[in-house]
Amino acid sequence: MMVLLPLTIDRFISIVFCLRYKDLMTKKTSTILIFCSWIATVTVFVLDTATLIKGDDTLKYQDNYHRCVYDTARSWKPIMYSFVITPLISIIVMYLTMLCFIKTNWSYQ
């Protein structure tokens, strides 16, 4: 999700602020967007790997069901879900805004 967010931001700016696109989307702005998405992706990977390596019994074996259950209360999963849910909500809101903008400015010829 974090990789799709800069693409959506770029599309959003190109549609909603089309006359100011070259002023808003400079090389510096696009570099910052891509860098932030990579940092967030690496952070999620490191937190997930650290949780598995730490070995704090987040995986528990239940004898009655013969399966392993991941204990989310003592892991980083709730924090990592915010790295998925927040960009997803942002992408949906931006695409809905673009849809409304296009519908209101669309002229039939």
PDB file of N, CA and C in Angstrom:
ATOM      1  N   MET A   1       0.799  -1.202   0.000  1.00  0.00           N
ATOM      2  CA  MET A   1       0.000   0.000   0.000  1.00  0.00           C
ATOM      3  C   MET A   1       0.842   1.267   0.000  1.00  0.00           C
ATOM      4  N   MET A   2       1.949   1.221   0.715  1.00  0.00           N
ATOM      5  CA  MET A   2       2.758   2.430   0.806  1.00  0.00           C
ATOM      6  C   MET A   2       3.383   2.798  -0.528  1.00  0.00           C
ATOM      7  N   VAL A   3       3.559   1.843  -1.407  1.00  0.00           N
ATOM      8  CA  VAL A   3       4.152   2.129  -2.710  1.00  0.00           C
ATOM      9  C   VAL A   3       3.111   2.774  -3.627  1.00  0.00           C
ATOM     10  N   LEU A   4       1.852   2.445  -3.446  1.00  0.00           N
ATOM     11  CA  LEU A   4       0.796   3.013  -4.276  1.00  0.00           C
ATOM     12  C   LEU A   4       0.413   4.434  -3.870  1.00  0.00           C
ATOM     13  N   LEU A   5       0.722   4.811  -2.654  1.00  0.00           N
ATOM     14  CA  LEU A   5       0.325   6.135  -2.168  1.00  0.00           C
ATOM     15  C   LEU A   5       0.978   7.277  -2.956  1.00  0.00           C
ATOM     16  N   PRO A   6       2.292   7.262  -3.223  1.00  0.00           N
ATOM     17  CA  PRO A   6       2.860   8.356  -4.031  1.00  0.00           C
ATOM     18  C   PRO A   6       2.270   8.442  -5.437  1.00  0.00           C
ATOM     19  N   LEU A   7       1.953   7.299  -6.035  1.00  0.00           N
ATOM     20  CA  LEU A   7       1.324   7.314  -7.358  1.00  0.00           C
ATOM     21  C   LEU A   7      -0.051   7.964  -7.303  1.00  0.00           C
ATOM     22  N   THR A   8      -0.798   7.658  -6.256  1.00  0.00           N
ATOM     23  CA  THR A   8      -2.128   8.239  -6.103  1.00  0.00           C
ATOM     24  C   THR A   8      -2.037   9.741  -5.840  1.00  0.00           C
ATOM     25  N   ILE A   9      -1.067  10.139  -5.037  1.00  0.00           N
ATOM     26  CA  ILE A   9      -0.881  11.573  -4.770  1.00  0.00           C
ATOM     27  C   ILE A   9      -0.540  12.308  -6.062  1.00  0.00           C
ATOM     28  N   ASP A  10       0.322  11.709  -6.879  1.00  0.00           N
ATOM     29  CA  ASP A  10       0.695  12.315  -8.158  1.00  0.00           C
ATOM     30  C   ASP A  10      -0.521  12.449  -9.071  1.00  0.00           C
ATOM     31  N   ARG A  11      -1.329  11.418  -9.159  1.00  0.00           N
ATOM     32  CA  ARG A  11      -2.544  11.482  -9.982  1.00  0.00           C
ATOM     33  C   ARG A  11      -3.532  12.506  -9.443  1.00  0.00           C
ATOM     34  N   PHE A  12      -3.655  12.545  -8.123  1.00  0.00           N
ATOM     35  CA  PHE A  12      -4.561  13.496  -7.492  1.00  0.00           C
ATOM     36  C   PHE A  12      -4.167  14.927  -7.837  1.00  0.00           C
ATOM     37  N   ILE A  13      -2.884  15.233  -7.704  1.00  0.00           N
ATOM     38  CA  ILE A  13      -2.407  16.585  -8.008  1.00  0.00           C
ATOM     39  C   ILE A  13      -2.577  16.897  -9.489  1.00  0.00           C
ATOM     40  N   SER A  14      -2.322  15.899 -10.347  1.00  0.00           N
ATOM     41  CA  SER A  14      -2.440  16.152 -11.784  1.00  0.00           C
ATOM     42  C   SER A  14      -3.877  16.389 -12.233  1.00  0.00           C
ATOM     43  N   ILE A  15      -4.841  15.843 -11.515  1.00  0.00           N
ATOM     44  CA  ILE A  15      -6.244  16.028 -11.898  1.00  0.00           C
ATOM     45  C   ILE A  15      -6.860  17.238 -11.203  1.00  0.00           C
ATOM     46  N   VAL A  16      -6.670  17.333  -9.908  1.00  0.00           N
ATOM     47  CA  VAL A  16      -7.335  18.396  -9.156  1.00  0.00           C
ATOM     48  C   VAL A  16      -6.616  19.740  -9.302  1.00  0.00           C
ATOM     49  N   PHE A  17      -5.299  19.720  -9.316  1.00  0.00           N
ATOM     50  CA  PHE A  17      -4.515  20.947  -9.448  1.00  0.00           C
ATOM     51  C   PHE A  17      -3.734  20.920 -10.759  1.00  0.00           C
ATOM     52  N   CYS A  18      -4.438  20.726 -11.862  1.00  0.00           N
ATOM     53  CA  CYS A  18      -3.772  20.498 -13.142  1.00  0.00           C
ATOM     54  C   CYS A  18      -2.944  21.696 -13.614  1.00  0.00           C
ATOM     55  N   LEU A  19      -3.373  22.898 -13.331  1.00  0.00           N
ATOM     56  CA  LEU A  19      -2.615  24.067 -13.781  1.00  0.00           C
ATOM     57  C   LEU A  19      -1.385  24.341 -12.919  1.00  0.00           C
ATOM     58  N   ARG A  20      -1.379  23.822 -11.720  1.00  0.00           N
ATOM     59  CA  ARG A  20      -0.234  24.033 -10.825  1.00  0.00           C
ATOM     60  C   ARG A  20       0.625  22.779 -10.683  1.00  0.00           C
ATOM     61  N   TYR A  21       0.406  21.790 -11.538  1.00  0.00           N
ATOM     62  CA  TYR A  21       1.092  20.496 -11.407  1.00  0.00           C
ATOM     63  C   TYR A  21       2.609  20.643 -11.444  1.00  0.00           C
ATOM     64  N   LYS A  22       3.120  21.418 -12.398  1.00  0.00           N
ATOM     65  CA  LYS A  22       4.583  21.558 -12.523  1.00  0.00           C
ATOM     66  C   LYS A  22       5.187  22.299 -11.332  1.00  0.00           C
ATOM     67  N   ASP A  23       4.417  23.163 -10.715  1.00  0.00           N
ATOM     68  CA  ASP A  23       4.921  23.866  -9.528  1.00  0.00           C
ATOM     69  C   ASP A  23       4.889  22.978  -8.292  1.00  0.00           C
ATOM     70  N   LEU A  24       3.858  22.140  -8.189  1.00  0.00           N
ATOM     71  CA  LEU A  24       3.706  21.290  -7.000  1.00  0.00           C
ATOM     72  C   LEU A  24       4.555  20.020  -7.060  1.00  0.00           C
ATOM     73  N   MET A  25       4.601  19.388  -8.219  1.00  0.00           N
ATOM     74  CA  MET A  25       5.333  18.120  -8.348  1.00  0.00           C
ATOM     75  C   MET A  25       6.709  18.355  -8.965  1.00  0.00           C
ATOM     76  N   THR A  26       7.590  18.835  -8.140  1.00  0.00           N
ATOM     77  CA  THR A  26       8.964  19.022  -8.586  1.00  0.00           C
ATOM     78  C   THR A  26       9.746  17.738  -8.362  1.00  0.00           C
ATOM     79  N   LYS A  27      10.978  17.746  -8.785  1.00  0.00           N
ATOM     80  CA  LYS A  27      11.817  16.559  -8.580  1.00  0.00           C
ATOM     81  C   LYS A  27      12.034  16.316  -7.088  1.00  0.00           C
ATOM     82  N   LYS A  28      12.151  17.385  -6.326  1.00  0.00           N
ATOM     83  CA  LYS A  28      12.335  17.264  -4.875  1.00  0.00           C
ATOM     84  C   LYS A  28      11.096  16.654  -4.211  1.00  0.00           C
ATOM     85  N   THR A  29       9.911  17.105  -4.620  1.00  0.00           N
ATOM     86  CA  THR A  29       8.672  16.581  -4.045  1.00  0.00           C
ATOM     87  C   THR A  29       8.496  15.099  -4.343  1.00  0.00           C
ATOM     88  N   SER A  30       8.751  14.717  -5.586  1.00  0.00           N
ATOM     89  CA  SER A  30       8.601  13.299  -5.928  1.00  0.00           C
ATOM     90  C   SER A  30       9.646  12.443  -5.223  1.00  0.00           C
ATOM     91  N   THR A  31      10.854  12.972  -5.053  1.00  0.00           N
ATOM     92  CA  THR A  31      11.887  12.235  -4.320  1.00  0.00           C
ATOM     93  C   THR A  31      11.478  12.043  -2.867  1.00  0.00           C
ATOM     94  N   ILE A  32      10.917  13.059  -2.253  1.00  0.00           N
ATOM     95  CA  ILE A  32      10.468  12.957  -0.863  1.00  0.00           C
ATOM     96  C   ILE A  32       9.336  11.944  -0.729  1.00  0.00           C
ATOM     97  N   LEU A  33       8.380  11.953  -1.658  1.00  0.00           N
ATOM     98  CA  LEU A  33       7.269  10.994  -1.615  1.00  0.00           C
ATOM     99  C   LEU A  33       7.773   9.553  -1.725  1.00  0.00           C
ATOM    100  N   ILE A  34       8.664   9.312  -2.667  1.00  0.00           N
ATOM    101  CA  ILE A  34       9.193   7.963  -2.857  1.00  0.00           C
ATOM    102  C   ILE A  34      10.039   7.544  -1.660  1.00  0.00           C
ATOM    103  N   PHE A  35      10.845   8.449  -1.134  1.00  0.00           N
ATOM    104  CA  PHE A  35      11.681   8.136   0.026  1.00  0.00           C
ATOM    105  C   PHE A  35      10.824   7.782   1.238  1.00  0.00           C
ATOM    106  N   CYS A  36       9.761   8.546   1.476  1.00  0.00           N
ATOM    107  CA  CYS A  36       8.886   8.266   2.624  1.00  0.00           C
ATOM    108  C   CYS A  36       8.183   6.925   2.475  1.00  0.00           C
ATOM    109  N   SER A  37       7.769   6.591   1.255  1.00  0.00           N
ATOM    110  CA  SER A  37       7.115   5.297   1.070  1.00  0.00           C
ATOM    111  C   SER A  37       8.088   4.147   1.297  1.00  0.00           C
ATOM    112  N   TRP A  38       9.333   4.303   0.876  1.00  0.00           N
ATOM    113  CA  TRP A  38      10.329   3.257   1.119  1.00  0.00           C
ATOM    114  C   TRP A  38      10.668   3.139   2.601  1.00  0.00           C
ATOM    115  N   ILE A  39      10.778   4.251   3.288  1.00  0.00           N
ATOM    116  CA  ILE A  39      11.063   4.209   4.729  1.00  0.00           C
ATOM    117  C   ILE A  39       9.935   3.497   5.474  1.00  0.00           C
ATOM    118  N   ALA A  40       8.691   3.798   5.128  1.00  0.00           N
ATOM    119  CA  ALA A  40       7.564   3.138   5.789  1.00  0.00           C
ATOM    120  C   ALA A  40       7.546   1.646   5.493  1.00  0.00           C
ATOM    121  N   THR A  41       7.851   1.257   4.260  1.00  0.00           N
ATOM    122  CA  THR A  41       7.869  -0.152   3.902  1.00  0.00           C
ATOM    123  C   THR A  41       8.970  -0.903   4.645  1.00  0.00           C
ATOM    124  N   VAL A  42      10.143  -0.305   4.718  1.00  0.00           N
ATOM    125  CA  VAL A  42      11.257  -0.932   5.441  1.00  0.00           C
ATOM    126  C   VAL A  42      10.945  -1.016   6.933  1.00  0.00           C
ATOM    127  N   THR A  43      10.293   0.004   7.476  1.00  0.00           N
ATOM    128  CA  THR A  43       9.928  -0.010   8.889  1.00  0.00           C
ATOM    129  C   THR A  43       8.974  -1.165   9.198  1.00  0.00           C
ATOM    130  N   VAL A  44       7.981  -1.370   8.353  1.00  0.00           N
ATOM    131  CA  VAL A  44       7.054  -2.479   8.562  1.00  0.00           C
ATOM    132  C   VAL A  44       7.788  -3.808   8.494  1.00  0.00           C
ATOM    133  N   PHE A  45       8.680  -3.955   7.525  1.00  0.00           N
ATOM    134  CA  PHE A  45       9.442  -5.201   7.395  1.00  0.00           C
ATOM    135  C   PHE A  45      10.315  -5.449   8.623  1.00  0.00           C
ATOM    136  N   VAL A  46      10.995  -4.415   9.104  1.00  0.00           N
ATOM    137  CA  VAL A  46      11.872  -4.575  10.271  1.00  0.00           C
ATOM    138  C   VAL A  46      11.071  -4.911  11.519  1.00  0.00           C
ATOM    139  N   LEU A  47       9.941  -4.248  11.729  1.00  0.00           N
ATOM    140  CA  LEU A  47       9.118  -4.544  12.903  1.00  0.00           C
ATOM    141  C   LEU A  47       8.572  -5.960  12.854  1.00  0.00           C
ATOM    142  N   ASP A  48       8.157  -6.395  11.678  1.00  0.00           N
ATOM    143  CA  ASP A  48       7.625  -7.750  11.539  1.00  0.00           C
ATOM    144  C   ASP A  48       8.717  -8.783  11.771  1.00  0.00           C
ATOM    145  N   THR A  49       9.891  -8.554  11.221  1.00  0.00           N
ATOM    146  CA  THR A  49      11.003  -9.488  11.402  1.00  0.00           C
ATOM    147  C   THR A  49      11.476  -9.496  12.851  1.00  0.00           C
ATOM    148  N   ALA A  50      11.529  -8.330  13.477  1.00  0.00           N
ATOM    149  CA  ALA A  50      11.965  -8.254  14.870  1.00  0.00           C
ATOM    150  C   ALA A  50      10.993  -8.982  15.792  1.00  0.00           C
ATOM    151  N   THR A  51       9.722  -8.935  15.472  1.00  0.00           N
ATOM    152  CA  THR A  51       8.730  -9.646  16.287  1.00  0.00           C
ATOM    153  C   THR A  51       8.944 -11.147  16.209  1.00  0.00           C
ATOM    154  N   LEU A  52       9.247 -11.648  15.016  1.00  0.00           N
ATOM    155  CA  LEU A  52       9.463 -13.085  14.866  1.00  0.00           C
ATOM    156  C   LEU A  52      10.780 -13.528  15.494  1.00  0.00           C
ATOM    157  N   ILE A  53      11.823 -12.702  15.381  1.00  0.00           N
ATOM    158  CA  ILE A  53      13.131 -13.061  15.930  1.00  0.00           C
ATOM    159  C   ILE A  53      13.146 -12.960  17.449  1.00  0.00           C
ATOM    160  N   LYS A  54      12.404 -12.004  17.980  1.00  0.00           N
ATOM    161  CA  LYS A  54      12.410 -11.752  19.426  1.00  0.00           C
ATOM    162  C   LYS A  54      11.993 -12.981  20.220  1.00  0.00           C
ATOM    163  N   GLY A  55      11.074 -13.737  19.708  1.00  0.00           N
ATOM    164  CA  GLY A  55      10.666 -14.977  20.358  1.00  0.00           C
ATOM    165  C   GLY A  55      10.000 -14.779  21.701  1.00  0.00           C
ATOM    166  N   ASP A  56       9.078 -13.853  21.795  1.00  0.00           N
ATOM    167  CA  ASP A  56       8.407 -13.596  23.074  1.00  0.00           C
ATOM    168  C   ASP A  56       7.094 -14.367  23.177  1.00  0.00           C
ATOM    169  N   ASP A  57       7.056 -15.527  22.617  1.00  0.00           N
ATOM    170  CA  ASP A  57       5.885 -16.402  22.653  1.00  0.00           C
ATOM    171  C   ASP A  57       4.653 -15.770  22.025  1.00  0.00           C
ATOM    172  N   THR A  58       4.859 -15.037  20.936  1.00  0.00           N
ATOM    173  CA  THR A  58       3.691 -14.508  20.239  1.00  0.00           C
ATOM    174  C   THR A  58       2.998 -15.608  19.449  1.00  0.00           C
ATOM    175  N   LEU A  59       3.719 -16.684  19.124  1.00  0.00           N
ATOM    176  CA  LEU A  59       3.098 -17.842  18.502  1.00  0.00           C
ATOM    177  C   LEU A  59       2.823 -18.876  19.590  1.00  0.00           C
ATOM    178  N   LYS A  60       1.597 -19.232  19.755  1.00  0.00           N
ATOM    179  CA  LYS A  60       1.227 -20.202  20.786  1.00  0.00           C
ATOM    180  C   LYS A  60       0.566 -21.401  20.131  1.00  0.00           C
ATOM    181  N   TYR A  61       0.901 -22.557  20.624  1.00  0.00           N
ATOM    182  CA  TYR A  61       0.320 -23.787  20.097  1.00  0.00           C
ATOM    183  C   TYR A  61      -0.873 -24.169  20.944  1.00  0.00           C
ATOM    184  N   GLN A  62      -2.004 -24.351  20.292  1.00  0.00           N
ATOM    185  CA  GLN A  62      -3.201 -24.776  21.002  1.00  0.00           C
ATOM    186  C   GLN A  62      -3.405 -26.268  20.741  1.00  0.00           C
ATOM    187  N   ASP A  63      -3.343 -27.045  21.813  1.00  0.00           N
ATOM    188  CA  ASP A  63      -3.460 -28.491  21.674  1.00  0.00           C
ATOM    189  C   ASP A  63      -4.837 -28.941  21.216  1.00  0.00           C
ATOM    190  N   ASN A  64      -5.860 -28.243  21.680  1.00  0.00           N
ATOM    191  CA  ASN A  64      -7.202 -28.710  21.351  1.00  0.00           C
ATOM    192  C   ASN A  64      -7.553 -28.498  19.872  1.00  0.00           C
ATOM    193  N   TYR A  65      -6.914 -27.544  19.194  1.00  0.00           N
ATOM    194  CA  TYR A  65      -7.194 -27.316  17.779  1.00  0.00           C
ATOM    195  C   TYR A  65      -6.054 -27.774  16.870  1.00  0.00           C
ATOM    196  N   HIS A  66      -4.912 -28.122  17.446  1.00  0.00           N
ATOM    197  CA  HIS A  66      -3.724 -28.535  16.702  1.00  0.00           C
ATOM    198  C   HIS A  66      -3.298 -27.489  15.676  1.00  0.00           C
ATOM    199  N   ARG A  67      -3.139 -26.267  16.155  1.00  0.00           N
ATOM    200  CA  ARG A  67      -2.699 -25.187  15.284  1.00  0.00           C
ATOM    201  C   ARG A  67      -1.936 -24.155  16.109  1.00  0.00           C
ATOM    202  N   CYS A  68      -1.195 -23.314  15.418  1.00  0.00           N
ATOM    203  CA  CYS A  68      -0.481 -22.215  16.062  1.00  0.00           C
ATOM    204  C   CYS A  68      -1.322 -20.950  15.920  1.00  0.00           C
ATOM    205  N   VAL A  69      -1.415 -20.195  16.981  1.00  0.00           N
ATOM    206  CA  VAL A  69      -2.190 -18.964  16.984  1.00  0.00           C
ATOM    207  C   VAL A  69      -1.253 -17.810  17.281  1.00  0.00           C
ATOM    208  N   TYR A  70      -1.362 -16.758  16.507  1.00  0.00           N
ATOM    209  CA  TYR A  70      -0.525 -15.582  16.674  1.00  0.00           C
ATOM    210  C   TYR A  70      -1.178 -14.647  17.679  1.00  0.00           C
ATOM    211  N   ASP A  71      -0.496 -14.352  18.774  1.00  0.00           N
ATOM    212  CA  ASP A  71      -1.016 -13.487  19.830  1.00  0.00           C
ATOM    213  C   ASP A  71      -0.773 -12.036  19.437  1.00  0.00           C
ATOM    214  N   THR A  72      -1.818 -11.370  18.948  1.00  0.00           N
ATOM    215  CA  THR A  72      -1.648 -10.001  18.453  1.00  0.00           C
ATOM    216  C   THR A  72      -1.560  -8.967  19.562  1.00  0.00           C
ATOM    217  N   ALA A  73      -1.932  -9.325  20.762  1.00  0.00           N
ATOM    218  CA  ALA A  73      -1.893  -8.353  21.860  1.00  0.00           C
ATOM    219  C   ALA A  73      -0.460  -8.003  22.242  1.00  0.00           C
ATOM    220  N   ARG A  74       0.461  -8.941  22.027  1.00  0.00           N
ATOM    221  CA  ARG A  74       1.846  -8.689  22.423  1.00  0.00           C
ATOM    222  C   ARG A  74       2.777  -8.581  21.221  1.00  0.00           C
ATOM    223  N   SER A  75       2.285  -8.098  20.136  1.00  0.00           N
ATOM    224  CA  SER A  75       3.124  -7.988  18.947  1.00  0.00           C
ATOM    225  C   SER A  75       2.974  -6.595  18.335  1.00  0.00           C
ATOM    226  N   TRP A  76       3.677  -6.394  17.234  1.00  0.00           N
ATOM    227  CA  TRP A  76       3.640  -5.126  16.526  1.00  0.00           C
ATOM    228  C   TRP A  76       2.539  -5.091  15.471  1.00  0.00           C
ATOM    229  N   LYS A  77       1.747  -6.142  15.340  1.00  0.00           N
ATOM    230  CA  LYS A  77       0.745  -6.206  14.282  1.00  0.00           C
ATOM    231  C   LYS A  77      -0.259  -5.049  14.320  1.00  0.00           C
ATOM    232  N   PRO A  78      -0.783  -4.642  15.474  1.00  0.00           N
ATOM    233  CA  PRO A  78      -1.715  -3.502  15.450  1.00  0.00           C
ATOM    234  C   PRO A  78      -1.073  -2.235  14.892  1.00  0.00           C
ATOM    235  N   ILE A  79       0.196  -2.006  15.184  1.00  0.00           N
ATOM    236  CA  ILE A  79       0.891  -0.837  14.659  1.00  0.00           C
ATOM    237  C   ILE A  79       1.112  -0.993  13.158  1.00  0.00           C
ATOM    238  N   MET A  80       1.467  -2.204  12.733  1.00  0.00           N
ATOM    239  CA  MET A  80       1.732  -2.422  11.317  1.00  0.00           C
ATOM    240  C   MET A  80       0.464  -2.331  10.484  1.00  0.00           C
ATOM    241  N   TYR A  81      -0.676  -2.683  11.062  1.00  0.00           N
ATOM    242  CA  TYR A  81      -1.919  -2.547  10.315  1.00  0.00           C
ATOM    243  C   TYR A  81      -2.211  -1.084   9.994  1.00  0.00           C
ATOM    244  N   SER A  82      -1.757  -0.175  10.850  1.00  0.00           N
ATOM    245  CA  SER A  82      -1.954   1.247  10.567  1.00  0.00           C
ATOM    246  C   SER A  82      -1.159   1.675   9.340  1.00  0.00           C
ATOM    247  N   PHE A  83      -0.064   0.979   9.030  1.00  0.00           N
ATOM    248  CA  PHE A  83       0.692   1.278   7.821  1.00  0.00           C
ATOM    249  C   PHE A  83      -0.030   0.781   6.578  1.00  0.00           C
ATOM    250  N   VAL A  84      -1.033  -0.057   6.742  1.00  0.00           N
ATOM    251  CA  VAL A  84      -1.824  -0.543   5.612  1.00  0.00           C
ATOM    252  C   VAL A  84      -3.157   0.198   5.540  1.00  0.00           C
ATOM    253  N   ILE A  85      -3.806   0.385   6.670  1.00  0.00           N
ATOM    254  CA  ILE A  85      -5.140   0.985   6.689  1.00  0.00           C
ATOM    255  C   ILE A  85      -5.091   2.476   6.360  1.00  0.00           C
ATOM    256  N   THR A  86      -4.134   3.195   6.917  1.00  0.00           N
ATOM    257  CA  THR A  86      -4.038   4.636   6.678  1.00  0.00           C
ATOM    258  C   THR A  86      -3.809   4.961   5.202  1.00  0.00           C
ATOM    259  N   PRO A  87      -2.832   4.316   4.523  1.00  0.00           N
ATOM    260  CA  PRO A  87      -2.704   4.596   3.088  1.00  0.00           C
ATOM    261  C   PRO A  87      -3.921   4.158   2.274  1.00  0.00           C
ATOM    262  N   LEU A  88      -4.541   3.052   2.653  1.00  0.00           N
ATOM    263  CA  LEU A  88      -5.714   2.580   1.927  1.00  0.00           C
ATOM    264  C   LEU A  88      -6.851   3.589   2.014  1.00  0.00           C
ATOM    265  N   ILE A  89      -7.093   4.109   3.195  1.00  0.00           N
ATOM    266  CA  ILE A  89      -8.142   5.113   3.367  1.00  0.00           C
ATOM    267  C   ILE A  89      -7.787   6.383   2.598  1.00  0.00           C
ATOM    268  N   SER A  90      -6.518   6.776   2.641  1.00  0.00           N
ATOM    269  CA  SER A  90      -6.078   7.964   1.899  1.00  0.00           C
ATOM    270  C   SER A  90      -6.275   7.788   0.404  1.00  0.00           C
ATOM    271  N   ILE A  91      -5.924   6.614  -0.113  1.00  0.00           N
ATOM    272  CA  ILE A  91      -6.084   6.341  -1.538  1.00  0.00           C
ATOM    273  C   ILE A  91      -7.555   6.373  -1.928  1.00  0.00           C
ATOM    274  N   ILE A  92      -8.411   5.768  -1.118  1.00  0.00           N
ATOM    275  CA  ILE A  92      -9.844   5.758  -1.426  1.00  0.00           C
ATOM    276  C   ILE A  92     -10.415   7.169  -1.414  1.00  0.00           C
ATOM    277  N   VAL A  93     -10.027   7.969  -0.420  1.00  0.00           N
ATOM    278  CA  VAL A  93     -10.534   9.344  -0.339  1.00  0.00           C
ATOM    279  C   VAL A  93     -10.056  10.163  -1.536  1.00  0.00           C
ATOM    280  N   MET A  94      -8.788  10.008  -1.922  1.00  0.00           N
ATOM    281  CA  MET A  94      -8.273  10.777  -3.059  1.00  0.00           C
ATOM    282  C   MET A  94      -8.955  10.374  -4.365  1.00  0.00           C
ATOM    283  N   TYR A  95      -9.175   9.071  -4.571  1.00  0.00           N
ATOM    284  CA  TYR A  95      -9.851   8.643  -5.791  1.00  0.00           C
ATOM    285  C   TYR A  95     -11.315   9.087  -5.816  1.00  0.00           C
ATOM    286  N   LEU A  96     -11.984   9.085  -4.675  1.00  0.00           N
ATOM    287  CA  LEU A  96     -13.361   9.585  -4.637  1.00  0.00           C
ATOM    288  C   LEU A  96     -13.405  11.087  -4.907  1.00  0.00           C
ATOM    289  N   THR A  97     -12.418  11.810  -4.378  1.00  0.00           N
ATOM    290  CA  THR A  97     -12.343  13.241  -4.651  1.00  0.00           C
ATOM    291  C   THR A  97     -12.095  13.500  -6.129  1.00  0.00           C
ATOM    292  N   MET A  98     -11.203  12.708  -6.733  1.00  0.00           N
ATOM    293  CA  MET A  98     -10.952  12.857  -8.164  1.00  0.00           C
ATOM    294  C   MET A  98     -12.212  12.550  -8.971  1.00  0.00           C
ATOM    295  N   LEU A  99     -12.941  11.522  -8.573  1.00  0.00           N
ATOM    296  CA  LEU A  99     -14.175  11.162  -9.274  1.00  0.00           C
ATOM    297  C   LEU A  99     -15.190  12.292  -9.197  1.00  0.00           C
ATOM    298  N   CYS A 100     -15.375  12.856  -8.021  1.00  0.00           N
ATOM    299  CA  CYS A 100     -16.311  13.975  -7.861  1.00  0.00           C
ATOM    300  C   CYS A 100     -15.849  15.199  -8.655  1.00  0.00           C
ATOM    301  N   PHE A 101     -14.555  15.460  -8.652  1.00  0.00           N
ATOM    302  CA  PHE A 101     -14.015  16.593  -9.393  1.00  0.00           C
ATOM    303  C   PHE A 101     -14.249  16.427 -10.891  1.00  0.00           C
ATOM    304  N   ILE A 102     -14.001  15.219 -11.390  1.00  0.00           N
ATOM    305  CA  ILE A 102     -14.195  14.962 -12.813  1.00  0.00           C
ATOM    306  C   ILE A 102     -15.676  15.028 -13.179  1.00  0.00           C
ATOM    307  N   LYS A 103     -16.544  14.496 -12.324  1.00  0.00           N
ATOM    308  CA  LYS A 103     -17.986  14.542 -12.618  1.00  0.00           C
ATOM    309  C   LYS A 103     -18.513  15.972 -12.638  1.00  0.00           C
ATOM    310  N   THR A 104     -18.038  16.827 -11.751  1.00  0.00           N
ATOM    311  CA  THR A 104     -18.536  18.192 -11.716  1.00  0.00           C
ATOM    312  C   THR A 104     -17.964  19.045 -12.855  1.00  0.00           C
ATOM    313  N   ASN A 105     -16.780  18.717 -13.313  1.00  0.00           N
ATOM    314  CA  ASN A 105     -16.154  19.521 -14.371  1.00  0.00           C
ATOM    315  C   ASN A 105     -16.278  18.898 -15.753  1.00  0.00           C
ATOM    316  N   TRP A 106     -16.988  17.811 -15.851  1.00  0.00           N
ATOM    317  CA  TRP A 106     -17.143  17.142 -17.137  1.00  0.00           C
ATOM    318  C   TRP A 106     -18.198  17.872 -17.956  1.00  0.00           C
ATOM    319  N   SER A 107     -17.869  18.162 -19.173  1.00  0.00           N
ATOM    320  CA  SER A 107     -18.853  18.829 -20.031  1.00  0.00           C
ATOM    321  C   SER A 107     -19.099  17.963 -21.262  1.00  0.00           C
ATOM    322  N   TYR A 108     -20.365  17.735 -21.521  1.00  0.00           N
ATOM    323  CA  TYR A 108     -20.745  16.953 -22.703  1.00  0.00           C
ATOM    324  C   TYR A 108     -20.704  17.858 -23.921  1.00  0.00           C
ATOM    325  N   GLN A 109     -20.204  17.330 -25.005  1.00  0.00           N
ATOM    326  CA  GLN A 109     -20.066  18.161 -26.192  1.00  0.00           C
ATOM    327  C   GLN A 109     -21.113  17.847 -27.211  1.00  0.00           C
TER     328      GLN A 109
END
